[in-house]
PDB file of N, CA and C in Angstrom:
ATOM      1  N   MET A   1       0.831  -1.171   0.000  1.00  0.00           N
ATOM      2  CA  MET A   1       0.000   0.000   0.000  1.00  0.00           C
ATOM      3  C   MET A   1       0.881   1.242   0.000  1.00  0.00           C
ATOM      4  N   CYS A   2       0.504   2.218  -0.779  1.00  0.00           N
ATOM      5  CA  CYS A   2       1.218   3.490  -0.850  1.00  0.00           C
ATOM      6  C   CYS A   2       0.443   4.530  -0.033  1.00  0.00           C
ATOM      7  N   VAL A   3       1.114   5.135   0.937  1.00  0.00           N
ATOM      8  CA  VAL A   3       0.473   6.086   1.840  1.00  0.00           C
ATOM      9  C   VAL A   3       1.183   7.427   1.771  1.00  0.00           C
ATOM     10  N   MET A   4       0.396   8.479   1.728  1.00  0.00           N
ATOM     11  CA  MET A   4       0.910   9.846   1.773  1.00  0.00           C
ATOM     12  C   MET A   4       0.644  10.385   3.176  1.00  0.00           C
ATOM     13  N   VAL A   5       1.671  10.950   3.815  1.00  0.00           N
ATOM     14  CA  VAL A   5       1.539  11.491   5.163  1.00  0.00           C
ATOM     15  C   VAL A   5       1.909  12.966   5.142  1.00  0.00           C
ATOM     16  N   LEU A   6       1.024  13.788   5.690  1.00  0.00           N
ATOM     17  CA  LEU A   6       1.272  15.218   5.828  1.00  0.00           C
ATOM     18  C   LEU A   6       1.245  15.541   7.309  1.00  0.00           C
ATOM     19  N   SER A   7       2.423  15.809   7.876  1.00  0.00           N
ATOM     20  CA  SER A   7       2.480  16.093   9.304  1.00  0.00           C
ATOM     21  C   SER A   7       3.776  16.804   9.656  1.00  0.00           C
ATOM     22  N   SER A   8       3.833  17.239  10.888  1.00  0.00           N
ATOM     23  CA  SER A   8       5.078  17.794  11.415  1.00  0.00           C
ATOM     24  C   SER A   8       6.000  16.634  11.760  1.00  0.00           C
ATOM     25  N   THR A   9       7.257  16.920  11.962  1.00  0.00           N
ATOM     26  CA  THR A   9       8.190  15.866  12.346  1.00  0.00           C
ATOM     27  C   THR A   9       7.855  15.315  13.732  1.00  0.00           C
ATOM     28  N   ALA A  10       7.254  16.126  14.566  1.00  0.00           N
ATOM     29  CA  ALA A  10       6.883  15.681  15.912  1.00  0.00           C
ATOM     30  C   ALA A  10       5.753  14.640  15.872  1.00  0.00           C
ATOM     31  N   LYS A  11       4.832  14.776  14.947  1.00  0.00           N
ATOM     32  CA  LYS A  11       3.693  13.854  14.845  1.00  0.00           C
ATOM     33  C   LYS A  11       3.986  12.625  13.987  1.00  0.00           C
ATOM     34  N   LEU A  12       5.003  12.669  13.162  1.00  0.00           N
ATOM     35  CA  LEU A  12       5.290  11.571  12.246  1.00  0.00           C
ATOM     36  C   LEU A  12       5.460  10.224  12.952  1.00  0.00           C
ATOM     37  N   PRO A  13       6.235  10.116  14.033  1.00  0.00           N
ATOM     38  CA  PRO A  13       6.388   8.803  14.675  1.00  0.00           C
ATOM     39  C   PRO A  13       5.059   8.193  15.133  1.00  0.00           C
ATOM     40  N   SER A  14       4.181   9.015  15.639  1.00  0.00           N
ATOM     41  CA  SER A  14       2.870   8.536  16.082  1.00  0.00           C
ATOM     42  C   SER A  14       2.063   7.983  14.908  1.00  0.00           C
ATOM     43  N   ILE A  15       2.085   8.692  13.793  1.00  0.00           N
ATOM     44  CA  ILE A  15       1.364   8.243  12.600  1.00  0.00           C
ATOM     45  C   ILE A  15       1.987   6.961  12.059  1.00  0.00           C
ATOM     46  N   LEU A  16       3.307   6.910  11.994  1.00  0.00           N
ATOM     47  CA  LEU A  16       3.979   5.709  11.502  1.00  0.00           C
ATOM     48  C   LEU A  16       3.676   4.498  12.386  1.00  0.00           C
ATOM     49  N   ASN A  17       3.584   4.721  13.672  1.00  0.00           N
ATOM     50  CA  ASN A  17       3.256   3.637  14.587  1.00  0.00           C
ATOM     51  C   ASN A  17       1.868   3.067  14.271  1.00  0.00           C
ATOM     52  N   LYS A  18       0.928   3.927  13.970  1.00  0.00           N
ATOM     53  CA  LYS A  18      -0.428   3.483  13.628  1.00  0.00           C
ATOM     54  C   LYS A  18      -0.462   2.759  12.287  1.00  0.00           C
ATOM     55  N   LEU A  19       0.421   3.149  11.379  1.00  0.00           N
ATOM     56  CA  LEU A  19       0.452   2.536  10.052  1.00  0.00           C
ATOM     57  C   LEU A  19       1.102   1.148  10.052  1.00  0.00           C
ATOM     58  N   ARG A  20       1.704   0.757  11.163  1.00  0.00           N
ATOM     59  CA  ARG A  20       2.380  -0.543  11.232  1.00  0.00           C
ATOM     60  C   ARG A  20       1.447  -1.710  10.925  1.00  0.00           C
ATOM     61  N   SER A  21       0.164  -1.549  11.212  1.00  0.00           N
ATOM     62  CA  SER A  21      -0.775  -2.653  10.980  1.00  0.00           C
ATOM     63  C   SER A  21      -1.148  -2.801   9.502  1.00  0.00           C
ATOM     64  N   LEU A  22      -0.743  -1.844   8.685  1.00  0.00           N
ATOM     65  CA  LEU A  22      -1.001  -1.915   7.249  1.00  0.00           C
ATOM     66  C   LEU A  22       0.254  -2.394   6.525  1.00  0.00           C
ATOM     67  N   ASP A  23       0.067  -2.925   5.356  1.00  0.00           N
ATOM     68  CA  ASP A  23       1.195  -3.364   4.536  1.00  0.00           C
ATOM     69  C   ASP A  23       1.654  -2.174   3.680  1.00  0.00           C
ATOM     70  N   VAL A  24       2.390  -1.257   4.287  1.00  0.00           N
ATOM     71  CA  VAL A  24       2.844  -0.054   3.601  1.00  0.00           C
ATOM     72  C   VAL A  24       4.135  -0.374   2.846  1.00  0.00           C
ATOM     73  N   THR A  25       4.089  -0.219   1.536  1.00  0.00           N
ATOM     74  CA  THR A  25       5.269  -0.475   0.711  1.00  0.00           C
ATOM     75  C   THR A  25       5.953   0.821   0.284  1.00  0.00           C
ATOM     76  N   HIS A  26       5.183   1.904   0.195  1.00  0.00           N
ATOM     77  CA  HIS A  26       5.723   3.214  -0.182  1.00  0.00           C
ATOM     78  C   HIS A  26       5.101   4.267   0.727  1.00  0.00           C
ATOM     79  N   LEU A  27       5.930   5.212   1.119  1.00  0.00           N
ATOM     80  CA  LEU A  27       5.461   6.291   1.973  1.00  0.00           C
ATOM     81  C   LEU A  27       5.952   7.612   1.397  1.00  0.00           C
ATOM     82  N   TYR A  28       5.009   8.495   1.106  1.00  0.00           N
ATOM     83  CA  TYR A  28       5.351   9.853   0.678  1.00  0.00           C
ATOM     84  C   TYR A  28       5.102  10.746   1.879  1.00  0.00           C
ATOM     85  N   TYR A  29       6.113  11.456   2.307  1.00  0.00           N
ATOM     86  CA  TYR A  29       5.992  12.300   3.496  1.00  0.00           C
ATOM     87  C   TYR A  29       6.218  13.753   3.135  1.00  0.00           C
ATOM     88  N   PHE A  30       5.313  14.604   3.627  1.00  0.00           N
ATOM     89  CA  PHE A  30       5.478  16.037   3.492  1.00  0.00           C
ATOM     90  C   PHE A  30       5.547  16.630   4.887  1.00  0.00           C
ATOM     91  N   ASN A  31       6.638  17.315   5.191  1.00  0.00           N
ATOM     92  CA  ASN A  31       6.831  17.970   6.470  1.00  0.00           C
ATOM     93  C   ASN A  31       6.058  19.287   6.462  1.00  0.00           C
ATOM     94  N   THR A  32       5.033  19.377   7.275  1.00  0.00           N
ATOM     95  CA  THR A  32       4.189  20.571   7.297  1.00  0.00           C
ATOM     96  C   THR A  32       4.896  21.790   7.877  1.00  0.00           C
ATOM     97  N   GLU A  33       6.054  21.572   8.460  1.00  0.00           N
ATOM     98  CA  GLU A  33       6.839  22.696   8.975  1.00  0.00           C
ATOM     99  C   GLU A  33       7.668  23.339   7.871  1.00  0.00           C
ATOM    100  N   SER A  34       7.645  22.743   6.708  1.00  0.00           N
ATOM    101  CA  SER A  34       8.375  23.272   5.555  1.00  0.00           C
ATOM    102  C   SER A  34       7.741  24.582   5.106  1.00  0.00           C
ATOM    103  N   THR A  35       8.551  25.463   4.589  1.00  0.00           N
ATOM    104  CA  THR A  35       8.040  26.763   4.142  1.00  0.00           C
ATOM    105  C   THR A  35       7.546  26.736   2.698  1.00  0.00           C
ATOM    106  N   SER A  36       7.704  25.606   2.015  1.00  0.00           N
ATOM    107  CA  SER A  36       7.341  25.560   0.593  1.00  0.00           C
ATOM    108  C   SER A  36       5.847  25.386   0.346  1.00  0.00           C
ATOM    109  N   GLY A  37       5.082  24.956   1.338  1.00  0.00           N
ATOM    110  CA  GLY A  37       3.644  24.786   1.160  1.00  0.00           C
ATOM    111  C   GLY A  37       3.296  23.531   0.376  1.00  0.00           C
ATOM    112  N   PHE A  38       2.000  23.312   0.184  1.00  0.00           N
ATOM    113  CA  PHE A  38       1.508  22.131  -0.537  1.00  0.00           C
ATOM    114  C   PHE A  38       1.508  22.430  -2.023  1.00  0.00           C
ATOM    115  N   GLY A  39       2.629  22.269  -2.646  1.00  0.00           N
ATOM    116  CA  GLY A  39       2.778  22.645  -4.046  1.00  0.00           C
ATOM    117  C   GLY A  39       2.478  21.532  -5.026  1.00  0.00           C
ATOM    118  N   VAL A  40       2.695  21.835  -6.277  1.00  0.00           N
ATOM    119  CA  VAL A  40       2.409  20.930  -7.376  1.00  0.00           C
ATOM    120  C   VAL A  40       3.155  19.597  -7.264  1.00  0.00           C
ATOM    121  N   PRO A  41       4.427  19.552  -6.866  1.00  0.00           N
ATOM    122  CA  PRO A  41       5.087  18.240  -6.785  1.00  0.00           C
ATOM    123  C   PRO A  41       4.356  17.259  -5.875  1.00  0.00           C
ATOM    124  N   LEU A  42       3.802  17.732  -4.777  1.00  0.00           N
ATOM    125  CA  LEU A  42       3.062  16.864  -3.874  1.00  0.00           C
ATOM    126  C   LEU A  42       1.772  16.371  -4.526  1.00  0.00           C
ATOM    127  N   ILE A  43       1.108  17.221  -5.226  1.00  0.00           N
ATOM    128  CA  ILE A  43      -0.138  16.858  -5.896  1.00  0.00           C
ATOM    129  C   ILE A  43       0.107  15.798  -6.963  1.00  0.00           C
ATOM    130  N   SER A  44       1.261  15.831  -7.587  1.00  0.00           N
ATOM    131  CA  SER A  44       1.566  14.847  -8.623  1.00  0.00           C
ATOM    132  C   SER A  44       1.715  13.432  -8.061  1.00  0.00           C
ATOM    133  N   LEU A  45       1.859  13.285  -6.746  1.00  0.00           N
ATOM    134  CA  LEU A  45       1.975  11.966  -6.123  1.00  0.00           C
ATOM    135  C   LEU A  45       0.627  11.358  -5.745  1.00  0.00           C
ATOM    136  N   VAL A  46      -0.415  12.156  -5.721  1.00  0.00           N
ATOM    137  CA  VAL A  46      -1.737  11.679  -5.303  1.00  0.00           C
ATOM    138  C   VAL A  46      -2.216  10.478  -6.122  1.00  0.00           C
ATOM    139  N   PRO A  47      -2.038  10.444  -7.441  1.00  0.00           N
ATOM    140  CA  PRO A  47      -2.519   9.275  -8.193  1.00  0.00           C
ATOM    141  C   PRO A  47      -1.868   7.951  -7.778  1.00  0.00           C
ATOM    142  N   PHE A  48      -0.723   8.017  -7.122  1.00  0.00           N
ATOM    143  CA  PHE A  48      -0.029   6.808  -6.713  1.00  0.00           C
ATOM    144  C   PHE A  48      -0.368   6.392  -5.282  1.00  0.00           C
ATOM    145  N   ALA A  49      -1.030   7.257  -4.547  1.00  0.00           N
ATOM    146  CA  ALA A  49      -1.360   6.988  -3.146  1.00  0.00           C
ATOM    147  C   ALA A  49      -2.681   6.228  -3.038  1.00  0.00           C
ATOM    148  N   GLU A  50      -2.752   5.377  -2.031  1.00  0.00           N
ATOM    149  CA  GLU A  50      -3.984   4.656  -1.744  1.00  0.00           C
ATOM    150  C   GLU A  50      -4.655   5.192  -0.487  1.00  0.00           C
ATOM    151  N   LEU A  51      -3.920   6.019   0.260  1.00  0.00           N
ATOM    152  CA  LEU A  51      -4.426   6.610   1.487  1.00  0.00           C
ATOM    153  C   LEU A  51      -3.599   7.847   1.792  1.00  0.00           C
ATOM    154  N   CYS A  52      -4.258   8.865   2.294  1.00  0.00           N
ATOM    155  CA  CYS A  52      -3.565  10.085   2.722  1.00  0.00           C
ATOM    156  C   CYS A  52      -3.917  10.325   4.188  1.00  0.00           C
ATOM    157  N   VAL A  53      -2.889  10.435   5.033  1.00  0.00           N
ATOM    158  CA  VAL A  53      -3.079  10.657   6.461  1.00  0.00           C
ATOM    159  C   VAL A  53      -2.511  12.021   6.808  1.00  0.00           C
ATOM    160  N   CYS A  54      -3.304  12.820   7.509  1.00  0.00           N
ATOM    161  CA  CYS A  54      -2.892  14.177   7.865  1.00  0.00           C
ATOM    162  C   CYS A  54      -2.921  14.372   9.377  1.00  0.00           C
ATOM    163  N   GLU A  55      -1.964  15.110   9.848  1.00  0.00           N
ATOM    164  CA  GLU A  55      -1.991  15.580  11.230  1.00  0.00           C
ATOM    165  C   GLU A  55      -3.279  16.396  11.389  1.00  0.00           C
ATOM    166  N   ALA A  56      -3.896  16.367  12.561  1.00  0.00           N
ATOM    167  CA  ALA A  56      -5.184  17.034  12.782  1.00  0.00           C
ATOM    168  C   ALA A  56      -5.155  18.512  12.396  1.00  0.00           C
ATOM    169  N   SER A  57      -4.076  19.204  12.727  1.00  0.00           N
ATOM    170  CA  SER A  57      -4.016  20.636  12.407  1.00  0.00           C
ATOM    171  C   SER A  57      -4.027  20.879  10.901  1.00  0.00           C
ATOM    172  N   VAL A  58      -3.461  19.959  10.129  1.00  0.00           N
ATOM    173  CA  VAL A  58      -3.483  20.071   8.669  1.00  0.00           C
ATOM    174  C   VAL A  58      -4.865  19.727   8.147  1.00  0.00           C
ATOM    175  N   PHE A  59      -5.408  18.629   8.651  1.00  0.00           N
ATOM    176  CA  PHE A  59      -6.706  18.140   8.188  1.00  0.00           C
ATOM    177  C   PHE A  59      -7.803  19.196   8.358  1.00  0.00           C
ATOM    178  N   HIS A  60      -7.749  19.958   9.438  1.00  0.00           N
ATOM    179  CA  HIS A  60      -8.771  20.962   9.720  1.00  0.00           C
ATOM    180  C   HIS A  60      -8.399  22.365   9.257  1.00  0.00           C
ATOM    181  N   SER A  61      -7.251  22.509   8.657  1.00  0.00           N
ATOM    182  CA  SER A  61      -6.792  23.813   8.175  1.00  0.00           C
ATOM    183  C   SER A  61      -7.651  24.285   6.994  1.00  0.00           C
ATOM    184  N   PRO A  62      -8.124  25.530   7.039  1.00  0.00           N
ATOM    185  CA  PRO A  62      -8.910  26.051   5.915  1.00  0.00           C
ATOM    186  C   PRO A  62      -8.144  26.022   4.591  1.00  0.00           C
ATOM    187  N   ASP A  63      -6.846  26.267   4.624  1.00  0.00           N
ATOM    188  CA  ASP A  63      -6.048  26.229   3.394  1.00  0.00           C
ATOM    189  C   ASP A  63      -6.042  24.827   2.789  1.00  0.00           C
ATOM    190  N   PHE A  64      -5.916  23.817   3.640  1.00  0.00           N
ATOM    191  CA  PHE A  64      -5.919  22.447   3.147  1.00  0.00           C
ATOM    192  C   PHE A  64      -7.312  22.048   2.674  1.00  0.00           C
ATOM    193  N   ARG A  65      -8.328  22.429   3.417  1.00  0.00           N
ATOM    194  CA  ARG A  65      -9.711  22.034   3.105  1.00  0.00           C
ATOM    195  C   ARG A  65     -10.170  22.567   1.751  1.00  0.00           C
ATOM    196  N   LYS A  66      -9.641  23.712   1.339  1.00  0.00           N
ATOM    197  CA  LYS A  66     -10.054  24.269   0.046  1.00  0.00           C
ATOM    198  C   LYS A  66      -8.951  24.146  -1.010  1.00  0.00           C
ATOM    199  N   GLY A  67      -7.909  23.397  -0.681  1.00  0.00           N
ATOM    200  CA  GLY A  67      -6.747  23.309  -1.559  1.00  0.00           C
ATOM    201  C   GLY A  67      -6.841  22.252  -2.642  1.00  0.00           C
ATOM    202  N   MET A  68      -5.877  22.318  -3.539  1.00  0.00           N
ATOM    203  CA  MET A  68      -5.832  21.431  -4.695  1.00  0.00           C
ATOM    204  C   MET A  68      -5.558  19.980  -4.313  1.00  0.00           C
ATOM    205  N   LEU A  69      -4.746  19.746  -3.294  1.00  0.00           N
ATOM    206  CA  LEU A  69      -4.402  18.378  -2.933  1.00  0.00           C
ATOM    207  C   LEU A  69      -5.644  17.597  -2.504  1.00  0.00           C
ATOM    208  N   LEU A  70      -6.471  18.178  -1.668  1.00  0.00           N
ATOM    209  CA  LEU A  70      -7.687  17.511  -1.216  1.00  0.00           C
ATOM    210  C   LEU A  70      -8.649  17.293  -2.381  1.00  0.00           C
ATOM    211  N   ARG A  71      -8.789  18.272  -3.242  1.00  0.00           N
ATOM    212  CA  ARG A  71      -9.677  18.113  -4.411  1.00  0.00           C
ATOM    213  C   ARG A  71      -9.192  16.996  -5.320  1.00  0.00           C
ATOM    214  N   GLU A  72      -7.892  16.905  -5.530  1.00  0.00           N
ATOM    215  CA  GLU A  72      -7.340  15.858  -6.383  1.00  0.00           C
ATOM    216  C   GLU A  72      -7.539  14.480  -5.743  1.00  0.00           C
ATOM    217  N   ALA A  73      -7.339  14.383  -4.442  1.00  0.00           N
ATOM    218  CA  ALA A  73      -7.561  13.114  -3.743  1.00  0.00           C
ATOM    219  C   ALA A  73      -9.025  12.693  -3.846  1.00  0.00           C
ATOM    220  N   GLN A  74      -9.937  13.633  -3.688  1.00  0.00           N
ATOM    221  CA  GLN A  74     -11.356  13.312  -3.806  1.00  0.00           C
ATOM    222  C   GLN A  74     -11.704  12.889  -5.229  1.00  0.00           C
ATOM    223  N   ARG A  75     -11.144  13.561  -6.199  1.00  0.00           N
ATOM    224  CA  ARG A  75     -11.403  13.233  -7.599  1.00  0.00           C
ATOM    225  C   ARG A  75     -10.931  11.816  -7.926  1.00  0.00           C
ATOM    226  N   LEU A  76      -9.828  11.406  -7.320  1.00  0.00           N
ATOM    227  CA  LEU A  76      -9.261  10.092  -7.581  1.00  0.00           C
ATOM    228  C   LEU A  76      -9.714   9.030  -6.570  1.00  0.00           C
ATOM    229  N   ASP A  77     -10.641   9.390  -5.703  1.00  0.00           N
ATOM    230  CA  ASP A  77     -11.159   8.486  -4.667  1.00  0.00           C
ATOM    231  C   ASP A  77     -10.076   7.955  -3.736  1.00  0.00           C
ATOM    232  N   VAL A  78      -9.119   8.804  -3.405  1.00  0.00           N
ATOM    233  CA  VAL A  78      -8.088   8.460  -2.427  1.00  0.00           C
ATOM    234  C   VAL A  78      -8.591   8.928  -1.066  1.00  0.00           C
ATOM    235  N   PRO A  79      -8.783   8.015  -0.118  1.00  0.00           N
ATOM    236  CA  PRO A  79      -9.261   8.426   1.205  1.00  0.00           C
ATOM    237  C   PRO A  79      -8.269   9.364   1.886  1.00  0.00           C
ATOM    238  N   VAL A  80      -8.791  10.417   2.483  1.00  0.00           N
ATOM    239  CA  VAL A  80      -7.982  11.373   3.238  1.00  0.00           C
ATOM    240  C   VAL A  80      -8.524  11.370   4.656  1.00  0.00           C
ATOM    241  N   VAL A  81      -7.672  10.995   5.608  1.00  0.00           N
ATOM    242  CA  VAL A  81      -8.105  10.892   6.998  1.00  0.00           C
ATOM    243  C   VAL A  81      -7.143  11.634   7.908  1.00  0.00           C
ATOM    244  N   SER A  82      -7.674  12.056   9.049  1.00  0.00           N
ATOM    245  CA  SER A  82      -6.810  12.641  10.073  1.00  0.00           C
ATOM    246  C   SER A  82      -6.179  11.500  10.858  1.00  0.00           C
ATOM    247  N   GLU A  83      -5.182  11.820  11.649  1.00  0.00           N
ATOM    248  CA  GLU A  83      -4.530  10.791  12.461  1.00  0.00           C
ATOM    249  C   GLU A  83      -5.548  10.111  13.377  1.00  0.00           C
ATOM    250  N   GLN A  84      -6.460  10.880  13.937  1.00  0.00           N
ATOM    251  CA  GLN A  84      -7.479  10.320  14.823  1.00  0.00           C
ATOM    252  C   GLN A  84      -8.434   9.397  14.066  1.00  0.00           C
ATOM    253  N   ASN A  85      -8.826   9.794  12.865  1.00  0.00           N
ATOM    254  CA  ASN A  85      -9.715   8.965  12.061  1.00  0.00           C
ATOM    255  C   ASN A  85      -9.005   7.703  11.586  1.00  0.00           C
ATOM    256  N   LEU A  86      -7.691   7.751  11.426  1.00  0.00           N
ATOM    257  CA  LEU A  86      -6.929   6.582  11.037  1.00  0.00           C
ATOM    258  C   LEU A  86      -7.066   5.496  12.107  1.00  0.00           C
ATOM    259  N   GLU A  87      -7.001   5.884  13.372  1.00  0.00           N
ATOM    260  CA  GLU A  87      -7.179   4.938  14.468  1.00  0.00           C
ATOM    261  C   GLU A  87      -8.520   4.244  14.358  1.00  0.00           C
ATOM    262  N   ALA A  88      -9.577   5.002  14.137  1.00  0.00           N
ATOM    263  CA  ALA A  88     -10.918   4.436  14.024  1.00  0.00           C
ATOM    264  C   ALA A  88     -11.023   3.523  12.803  1.00  0.00           C
ATOM    265  N   LEU A  89     -10.421   3.931  11.710  1.00  0.00           N
ATOM    266  CA  LEU A  89     -10.435   3.144  10.473  1.00  0.00           C
ATOM    267  C   LEU A  89      -9.739   1.795  10.676  1.00  0.00           C
ATOM    268  N   LEU A  90      -8.622   1.803  11.363  1.00  0.00           N
ATOM    269  CA  LEU A  90      -7.866   0.572  11.594  1.00  0.00           C
ATOM    270  C   LEU A  90      -8.540  -0.351  12.601  1.00  0.00           C
ATOM    271  N   MET A  91      -9.261   0.223  13.547  1.00  0.00           N
ATOM    272  CA  MET A  91      -9.908  -0.580  14.576  1.00  0.00           C
ATOM    273  C   MET A  91     -11.273  -1.122  14.121  1.00  0.00           C
ATOM    274  N   GLY A  92     -11.888  -0.448  13.182  1.00  0.00           N
ATOM    275  CA  GLY A  92     -13.248  -0.839  12.806  1.00  0.00           C
ATOM    276  C   GLY A  92     -13.301  -1.393  11.464  1.00  0.00           C
TER     277      GLY A  92
END
């Protein structure tokens, strides 16, 4: 499974720990502390992802909610979940 993760470096270990129960073969990581923003190179990876996991602050961010990455994921039927929703998804 190919997973895209958008989080800070502080939250990444927690997300990776939750992903251990999945058969993750590829991981695309975007550090949200980066100053470059959610640009076109990141969007070009969406067609290859099977799941996108976001830190809660990213998931609820107005910029992310109305941004191109989320629209592209929805268009391609790639599930986008927050770290908290990932827990529920894996347990249920």
